[in-house]
Protein backbone atom coordinates (compact mmCIF):
# COMPACT_ATOMS: atom_id res chain seq x y z
CA MET A 1 -11.99 -3.53 25.40
CA THR A 2 -10.57 -0.13 26.27
CA ASN A 3 -7.26 -1.83 27.21
CA HIS A 4 -7.00 -3.90 24.03
CA HIS A 5 -3.46 -3.83 22.60
CA THR A 6 -4.71 -2.26 19.38
CA LEU A 7 -5.90 0.85 21.24
CA LEU A 8 -2.52 1.78 22.70
CA PRO A 9 -0.86 4.90 21.23
CA VAL A 10 2.30 4.58 19.13
CA ARG A 11 4.87 6.89 17.58
CA VAL A 12 5.98 6.31 13.99
CA GLY A 13 8.80 8.62 12.99
CA GLY A 14 7.44 12.04 13.87
CA LEU A 15 3.79 10.91 13.85
CA ASP A 16 2.02 10.37 17.16
CA LEU A 17 -0.89 7.99 16.54
CA PRO A 18 -3.73 7.40 19.03
CA ASN A 19 -3.95 3.67 18.31
CA ARG A 20 -2.37 0.82 16.31
CA PHE A 21 -5.04 0.67 13.59
CA ALA A 22 -4.18 1.78 10.04
CA VAL A 23 -6.38 1.67 6.96
CA ALA A 24 -4.62 -0.51 4.40
CA PRO A 25 -4.14 0.93 0.90
CA MET A 26 -6.95 -0.38 -1.33
CA THR A 27 -7.37 0.42 -5.02
CA ARG A 28 -10.86 1.86 -5.61
CA VAL A 29 -10.55 3.25 -9.21
CA SER A 30 -12.98 6.09 -8.42
CA ALA A 31 -11.02 9.20 -9.38
CA ALA A 32 -11.98 11.40 -12.32
CA PRO A 33 -10.63 10.28 -15.73
CA ASP A 34 -7.72 12.72 -15.40
CA GLY A 35 -6.74 11.28 -12.01
CA THR A 36 -8.25 14.04 -9.87
CA PRO A 37 -9.62 12.78 -6.53
CA THR A 38 -13.38 13.28 -6.20
CA GLN A 39 -15.75 14.40 -3.47
CA GLU A 40 -16.84 10.78 -3.13
CA MET A 41 -13.23 9.84 -2.36
CA ALA A 42 -12.99 12.64 0.20
CA GLU A 43 -16.03 11.28 2.03
CA TYR A 44 -14.64 7.74 1.81
CA TYR A 45 -11.37 8.64 3.52
CA GLU A 46 -13.06 10.94 6.01
CA ARG A 47 -15.25 8.05 7.21
CA TYR A 48 -12.18 6.09 8.31
CA ALA A 49 -10.84 9.05 10.25
CA GLU A 50 -14.19 9.64 11.90
CA GLY A 51 -14.30 5.91 12.69
CA GLY A 52 -11.15 6.24 14.77
CA PHE A 53 -8.33 4.86 12.60
CA GLY A 54 -5.08 6.39 13.82
CA LEU A 55 -3.48 6.23 10.39
CA VAL A 56 -5.02 6.28 6.92
CA ILE A 57 -2.91 5.02 4.00
CA THR A 58 -4.38 5.93 0.64
CA GLU A 59 -4.76 3.76 -2.41
CA GLY A 60 -1.83 3.56 -4.81
CA THR A 61 -1.45 6.90 -6.60
CA TYR A 62 0.42 7.28 -9.87
CA THR A 63 3.58 9.34 -9.98
CA ASP A 64 4.19 10.53 -13.55
CA THR A 65 2.54 11.16 -16.90
CA VAL A 66 4.47 8.44 -18.69
CA ASN A 67 4.37 4.82 -17.54
CA SER A 68 3.34 4.80 -13.87
CA GLN A 69 -0.46 4.68 -14.11
CA GLY A 70 -1.86 1.19 -13.59
CA TYR A 71 -5.64 1.57 -13.88
CA LEU A 72 -8.18 3.87 -15.48
CA ASN A 73 -9.69 6.22 -12.89
CA GLN A 74 -6.71 5.72 -10.60
CA PRO A 75 -5.83 8.90 -8.68
CA GLY A 76 -2.64 10.76 -9.50
CA ILE A 77 -0.37 13.27 -7.80
CA VAL A 78 1.21 14.81 -10.88
CA SER A 79 -0.55 18.19 -11.26
CA ALA A 80 -1.65 21.25 -9.33
CA THR A 81 -5.26 20.09 -9.76
CA HIS A 82 -4.43 16.78 -8.13
CA VAL A 83 -2.68 18.55 -5.25
CA SER A 84 -5.66 20.81 -4.64
CA ALA A 85 -8.13 17.91 -4.58
CA TRP A 86 -5.94 15.83 -2.28
CA ARG A 87 -5.54 18.85 0.03
CA GLU A 88 -9.29 18.78 0.67
CA ILE A 89 -9.03 15.11 1.62
CA THR A 90 -6.05 15.54 3.94
CA GLY A 91 -7.82 18.44 5.63
CA LYS A 92 -10.90 16.34 6.34
CA VAL A 93 -8.89 13.38 7.64
CA ARG A 94 -6.69 15.44 9.92
CA ALA A 95 -9.65 17.48 11.20
CA ALA A 96 -11.22 14.19 12.29
CA GLY A 97 -8.13 13.30 14.32
CA SER A 98 -6.20 10.93 12.05
CA ARG A 99 -2.93 11.17 10.17
CA ILE A 100 -2.77 10.37 6.46
CA VAL A 101 -0.03 8.99 4.21
CA LEU A 102 -0.12 8.93 0.40
CA GLN A 103 0.90 5.66 -1.22
CA LEU A 104 3.02 6.31 -4.31
CA MET A 105 2.74 3.64 -7.00
CA HIS A 106 4.40 2.92 -10.33
CA ALA A 107 2.62 -0.02 -11.95
CA GLY A 108 5.41 -0.94 -14.36
CA ALA A 109 4.54 -4.10 -16.29
CA LEU A 110 1.25 -4.48 -14.37
CA SER A 111 -0.38 -1.50 -16.07
CA GLN A 112 -3.77 -2.29 -17.57
CA GLY A 113 -5.15 1.22 -18.05
CA ASN A 114 -2.89 4.18 -18.82
CA PRO A 115 -4.18 7.02 -21.04
CA TYR A 116 -0.68 8.52 -21.24
CA ARG A 117 0.98 5.57 -23.00
CA ALA A 118 -0.05 2.38 -24.80
CA ASP A 119 3.08 0.39 -23.94
CA THR A 120 4.34 -0.82 -20.57
CA VAL A 121 7.80 -0.98 -19.01
CA GLY A 122 9.53 -3.22 -16.52
CA PRO A 123 12.98 -4.27 -15.36
CA SER A 124 13.10 -6.88 -18.14
CA ALA A 125 11.01 -7.86 -21.16
CA VAL A 126 9.17 -10.60 -19.27
CA ARG A 127 5.40 -11.05 -19.67
CA PRO A 128 3.69 -10.96 -16.23
CA ARG A 129 2.08 -14.14 -14.97
CA ALA A 130 -1.69 -14.76 -14.86
CA GLU A 131 -4.17 -12.27 -16.31
CA MET A 132 -5.32 -8.69 -15.84
CA LEU A 133 -7.64 -7.87 -12.94
CA PRO A 134 -11.34 -7.61 -13.89
CA GLU A 135 -12.33 -5.79 -10.68
CA TYR A 136 -10.07 -2.96 -11.86
CA GLY A 137 -11.28 -3.00 -15.46
CA GLY A 138 -8.81 -5.41 -17.05
CA SER A 139 -9.15 -8.63 -19.06
CA GLY A 140 -6.87 -11.04 -20.88
CA SER A 141 -3.12 -11.51 -20.73
CA TRP A 142 -0.69 -8.78 -19.73
CA PRO A 143 1.46 -7.39 -22.55
CA THR A 144 5.19 -7.96 -22.50
CA PRO A 145 6.86 -4.81 -21.15
CA ARG A 146 9.77 -2.96 -22.69
CA GLU A 147 12.96 -3.32 -20.66
CA MET A 148 13.73 -0.04 -18.92
CA THR A 149 16.84 1.88 -19.87
CA GLY A 150 18.99 3.81 -17.43
CA ALA A 151 17.14 6.96 -18.49
CA ASP A 152 13.79 5.28 -17.81
CA ILE A 153 14.94 4.33 -14.33
CA GLU A 154 16.11 7.87 -13.58
CA ALA A 155 12.77 9.22 -14.82
CA ALA A 156 10.86 6.80 -12.57
CA ILE A 157 12.92 7.87 -9.54
CA GLY A 158 12.30 11.50 -10.44
CA GLY A 159 8.57 10.85 -10.61
CA PHE A 160 8.54 9.39 -7.11
CA VAL A 161 10.50 12.35 -5.73
CA ALA A 162 8.36 15.00 -7.45
CA SER A 163 5.21 13.25 -6.25
CA ALA A 164 6.50 13.15 -2.68
CA VAL A 165 7.07 16.90 -2.86
CA ARG A 166 3.53 17.41 -4.12
CA ALA A 167 2.22 15.13 -1.38
CA ARG A 168 3.75 17.39 1.24
CA GLU A 169 2.20 20.39 -0.51
CA ALA A 170 -1.17 18.63 -0.39
CA GLY A 171 -0.97 18.24 3.39
CA PHE A 172 0.00 14.59 3.68
CA ASP A 173 1.92 13.49 6.78
CA GLY A 174 4.15 11.31 4.63
CA VAL A 175 4.32 8.92 1.72
CA GLU A 176 4.48 5.17 1.38
CA LEU A 177 6.33 3.62 -1.56
CA HIS A 178 4.39 0.74 -3.08
CA GLY A 179 7.16 -1.84 -3.26
CA ALA A 180 4.73 -4.75 -3.00
CA ASN A 181 2.21 -6.89 -4.87
CA GLY A 182 4.05 -7.15 -8.20
CA TYR A 183 4.22 -3.47 -9.21
CA LEU A 184 7.37 -1.81 -10.55
CA LEU A 185 9.55 -1.70 -7.42
CA ASP A 186 8.57 -5.28 -6.62
CA GLN A 187 9.26 -6.30 -10.24
CA PHE A 188 12.86 -5.17 -9.73
CA LEU A 189 13.04 -7.14 -6.47
CA THR A 190 11.59 -10.34 -7.97
CA ASP A 191 14.09 -12.73 -9.53
CA TYR A 192 11.90 -14.03 -12.35
CA THR A 193 10.78 -10.57 -13.55
CA ASN A 194 14.25 -9.03 -13.18
CA ARG A 195 16.78 -10.61 -15.52
CA ARG A 196 19.02 -7.57 -15.79
CA ALA A 197 22.80 -7.90 -15.98
CA ASP A 198 23.52 -4.40 -14.60
CA SER A 199 23.69 -3.09 -11.03
CA TYR A 200 19.89 -3.47 -10.65
CA GLY A 201 19.87 -7.19 -11.43
CA GLY A 202 21.32 -10.44 -10.14
CA PRO A 203 21.68 -10.86 -6.34
CA VAL A 204 18.97 -9.56 -4.02
CA ALA A 205 21.20 -6.69 -2.86
CA ASN A 206 21.07 -5.38 -6.43
CA ARG A 207 17.38 -6.09 -6.93
CA ILE A 208 16.36 -4.01 -3.89
CA ARG A 209 18.63 -1.16 -5.08
CA LEU A 210 15.93 0.77 -6.97
CA THR A 211 13.57 0.89 -3.98
CA ALA A 212 16.40 1.99 -1.71
CA GLU A 213 17.45 4.68 -4.19
CA VAL A 214 13.91 6.05 -4.29
CA VAL A 215 13.80 6.20 -0.48
CA ALA A 216 17.17 7.95 -0.35
CA ALA A 217 16.21 10.43 -3.09
CA ILE A 218 12.99 11.43 -1.33
CA ARG A 219 14.82 11.69 1.99
CA ALA A 220 17.47 13.94 0.40
CA GLU A 221 14.79 16.18 -1.11
CA LEU A 222 12.41 16.44 1.86
CA GLY A 223 14.69 16.01 4.86
CA ALA A 224 14.81 13.80 7.91
CA GLY A 225 11.44 14.84 9.34
CA PHE A 226 9.24 13.65 6.48
CA CYS A 227 7.68 10.18 6.80
CA VAL A 228 8.78 7.77 4.03
CA GLY A 229 7.34 4.28 4.49
CA VAL A 230 7.82 1.26 2.24
CA ARG A 231 5.29 -1.48 1.60
CA LEU A 232 6.72 -4.90 0.75
CA SER A 233 5.26 -8.31 0.03
CA GLN A 234 6.27 -11.75 -1.07
CA GLY A 235 3.03 -12.51 -2.94
CA LYS A 236 1.66 -10.48 -5.84
CA VAL A 237 -1.73 -9.62 -7.29
CA ASN A 238 -0.84 -11.93 -10.20
CA ASP A 239 1.13 -14.55 -8.22
CA PHE A 240 -0.27 -15.07 -4.72
CA GLY A 241 2.00 -17.99 -3.88
CA HIS A 242 5.33 -16.32 -4.58
CA ARG A 243 7.88 -16.30 -1.76
CA TRP A 244 11.34 -14.76 -1.63
CA PRO A 245 13.63 -17.55 -2.83
CA GLY A 246 16.29 -16.84 -0.22
CA GLY A 247 13.77 -16.74 2.63
CA ALA A 248 15.07 -15.09 5.78
CA ALA A 249 18.48 -14.44 4.22
CA ASP A 250 16.88 -12.37 1.44
CA ALA A 251 14.64 -10.62 3.97
CA ARG A 252 17.60 -9.50 6.07
CA ILE A 253 19.29 -7.92 3.05
CA ILE A 254 16.07 -6.20 1.95
CA PHE A 255 15.20 -4.78 5.37
CA ALA A 256 18.75 -3.60 6.08
CA ALA A 257 19.01 -1.82 2.71
CA LEU A 258 15.78 0.11 3.22
CA ALA A 259 16.67 1.11 6.77
CA ALA A 260 20.09 2.33 5.60
CA ALA A 261 18.41 4.36 2.83
CA GLY A 262 16.34 6.27 5.40
CA ALA A 263 12.92 4.57 5.50
CA THR A 264 10.62 5.61 8.36
CA TYR A 265 8.65 2.36 8.59
CA LEU A 266 8.14 -0.96 6.81
CA HIS A 267 4.69 -2.26 5.88
CA ILE A 268 4.48 -5.97 5.09
CA ALA A 269 1.48 -6.77 2.88
CA SER A 270 -0.92 -9.65 3.49
CA GLU A 271 0.44 -12.98 4.67
CA GLY A 272 -2.98 -14.63 4.85
CA ARG A 273 -5.73 -15.07 7.40
CA ASP A 274 -3.88 -17.57 9.61
CA TRP A 275 -1.24 -14.91 10.03
CA ILE A 276 0.97 -16.34 12.78
CA GLU A 277 1.67 -19.42 10.66
CA THR A 278 1.65 -18.04 7.12
CA ALA A 279 3.96 -15.14 8.02
CA ARG A 280 6.77 -17.46 9.17
CA LEU A 281 10.04 -17.64 7.26
CA ASP A 282 12.53 -20.47 7.43
CA GLY A 283 13.79 -20.79 10.97
CA GLY A 284 10.33 -20.04 12.36
CA VAL A 285 10.62 -16.25 12.69
CA THR A 286 7.75 -14.15 11.32
CA ILE A 287 8.61 -11.82 8.48
CA THR A 288 7.52 -8.74 10.44
CA SER A 289 9.41 -9.59 13.63
CA LEU A 290 12.51 -10.09 11.50
CA ALA A 291 11.86 -6.71 9.87
CA ARG A 292 11.70 -5.09 13.31
CA GLN A 293 14.87 -6.84 14.44
CA VAL A 294 16.95 -6.06 11.36
CA SER A 295 15.75 -2.54 10.56
CA GLY A 296 15.01 -1.16 14.00
CA LEU A 297 12.00 0.57 12.40
CA PRO A 298 8.28 0.45 13.23
CA VAL A 299 6.62 -2.33 11.26
CA ILE A 300 3.02 -2.65 10.06
CA ALA A 301 1.52 -6.14 9.73
CA ASN A 302 -1.31 -6.88 7.32
CA GLY A 303 -3.60 -9.83 6.67
CA GLY A 304 -6.72 -10.73 8.65
CA MET A 305 -6.03 -8.21 11.40
CA HIS A 306 -9.74 -7.58 11.97
CA ASP A 307 -9.52 -10.86 13.94
CA LEU A 308 -9.00 -9.12 17.27
CA SER A 309 -7.51 -12.10 19.10
CA GLN A 310 -4.93 -12.48 16.34
CA ALA A 311 -4.33 -8.71 16.32
CA ALA A 312 -3.58 -8.73 20.05
CA GLN A 313 -1.21 -11.68 19.63
CA VAL A 314 0.67 -9.99 16.80
CA LEU A 315 1.23 -6.86 18.88
CA SER A 316 1.87 -8.44 22.28
CA GLY A 317 4.17 -11.06 20.73
CA GLY A 318 6.46 -8.43 19.24
CA HIS A 319 5.59 -9.31 15.65
CA ALA A 320 4.62 -5.75 14.65
CA ASP A 321 3.94 -2.24 15.94
CA LEU A 322 0.82 -1.41 13.91
CA LEU A 323 -1.85 -3.31 12.00
CA SER A 324 -3.30 -2.36 8.62
CA ILE A 325 -6.88 -3.42 7.94
CA GLY A 326 -8.34 -3.97 4.46
CA ARG A 327 -11.44 -6.15 4.21
CA GLY A 328 -12.34 -5.50 7.84
CA ALA A 329 -12.17 -1.74 7.27
CA LEU A 330 -14.39 -1.94 4.19
CA ALA A 331 -17.04 -3.66 6.31
CA ASN A 332 -16.34 -1.53 9.40
CA PRO A 333 -15.03 1.98 8.63
CA ASP A 334 -15.58 2.64 12.35
CA LEU A 335 -13.68 -0.48 13.48
CA PRO A 336 -11.52 1.24 16.15
CA ARG A 337 -14.62 2.86 17.66
CA ARG A 338 -16.33 -0.53 17.75
CA VAL A 339 -13.34 -2.14 19.44
CA SER A 340 -13.17 0.60 22.08
CA ARG A 341 -16.88 0.14 22.83
CA SER A 342 -16.89 -3.69 22.66
CA LEU A 343 -19.34 -3.64 19.77
CA PRO A 344 -19.54 -6.54 17.27
CA LEU A 345 -17.96 -6.20 13.84
CA GLU A 346 -19.83 -6.48 10.57
CA THR A 347 -18.81 -9.36 8.30
CA TYR A 348 -17.02 -8.48 5.07
CA ASP A 349 -18.93 -9.38 1.89
CA ARG A 350 -16.81 -9.60 -1.26
CA ARG A 351 -19.78 -8.58 -3.40
CA ILE A 352 -19.07 -4.94 -2.55
CA LEU A 353 -16.06 -5.20 -4.91
CA GLU A 354 -17.97 -6.88 -7.74
CA PRO A 355 -18.04 -6.46 -10.67
CA MET A 356 -15.80 -3.41 -10.14
CA ALA A 357 -14.02 -2.21 -7.02
CA THR A 358 -15.42 1.32 -7.30
CA LEU A 359 -16.90 3.37 -4.47
CA SER A 360 -20.20 3.84 -6.30
CA ASN A 361 -20.54 0.10 -6.91
CA ALA A 362 -19.84 -0.60 -3.24
CA ARG A 363 -22.46 1.93 -2.15
CA GLN A 364 -25.09 0.36 -4.42
CA ARG A 365 -24.22 -3.14 -3.22
CA LEU A 366 -24.43 -2.13 0.44
CA GLN A 367 -27.78 -0.46 -0.10
CA GLY A 368 -29.07 -3.61 -1.76
CA MET A 369 -27.83 -5.80 1.09
CA ARG A 370 -29.52 -3.55 3.66
CA ARG A 371 -32.82 -3.77 1.75
CA LEU A 372 -32.58 -7.56 1.80
CA ARG A 373 -31.86 -7.60 5.55
CA HIS A 374 -34.52 -5.00 6.35
CA PRO A 375 -37.32 -5.23 3.75
CA ALA A 376 -39.96 -2.50 3.88
């Protein structure tokens, strides 16, 4: 499989990548209580680089000491201690031949573990749908957030910018804004969580404004050469079936706004295992091919991309430029190496994320599975 489409090199902004495989951002709630990345996390990310992934995107990392943290033991990038610990991780990943991007995340109303504050904030005082996520330590209904003021919004933007600066200091090749899955930036984009009557609410051009302003603010601070990606999704961790109400028309406005703001790439979060069908918008175009067409930027597709026949079709059909792997990477941290050597892939087992999605729990689960497969 040395000529498989996934193994072709690609350039994303100023980053030359050896292949089209990226590690998808996956919350692992394994940092120290103060948000400092651990040695266990360093080894976790290093394994993906050693396994051949061209790009590693970290888990969502909180951006301020007010309202951004979403989970207990989530990593942060808000202190010199955080920067130092992340610098060890970026050094290991880059030494192994990969590039690494830090995902910046403000949880907004979907915060279920924040030692800095007891309350939550969002674009409007709307209680999130469904319930908190047990695999990340939550239970019960989400609280109703406080509607953000103009000062709150400015503070959130400032947190993203300061964290991007720290990310560069820590040796990251860029940042990715988490504008997907129901977190703060996506809450502003979503019509039913954003009921504002100001310039951030109403039509989709207003609802994407905050994400675009964050992109532009980071670009102004760090210059044209720094990678600033944006992850988007229609579905959410608490509302899998949500779709943009305006379909392709909304998508065009969203993609154009982010490109105009200075984004380096767009990353479209999971559209399901039967990707070619579930990623289609009205009119039959896939969401990622439309993103490529409208923005002119490199686009990352996500959702079942460890299916290599589907992965090849997505790339060869012009649907995306790169592929981010989640479940398949958990089961196969050396997935690109396996593809290049025509080796079979291990099957993902959800039990490695139960009852908590921590690295230590996954290690114990995997050890138990191996003992069952290979009893003494």
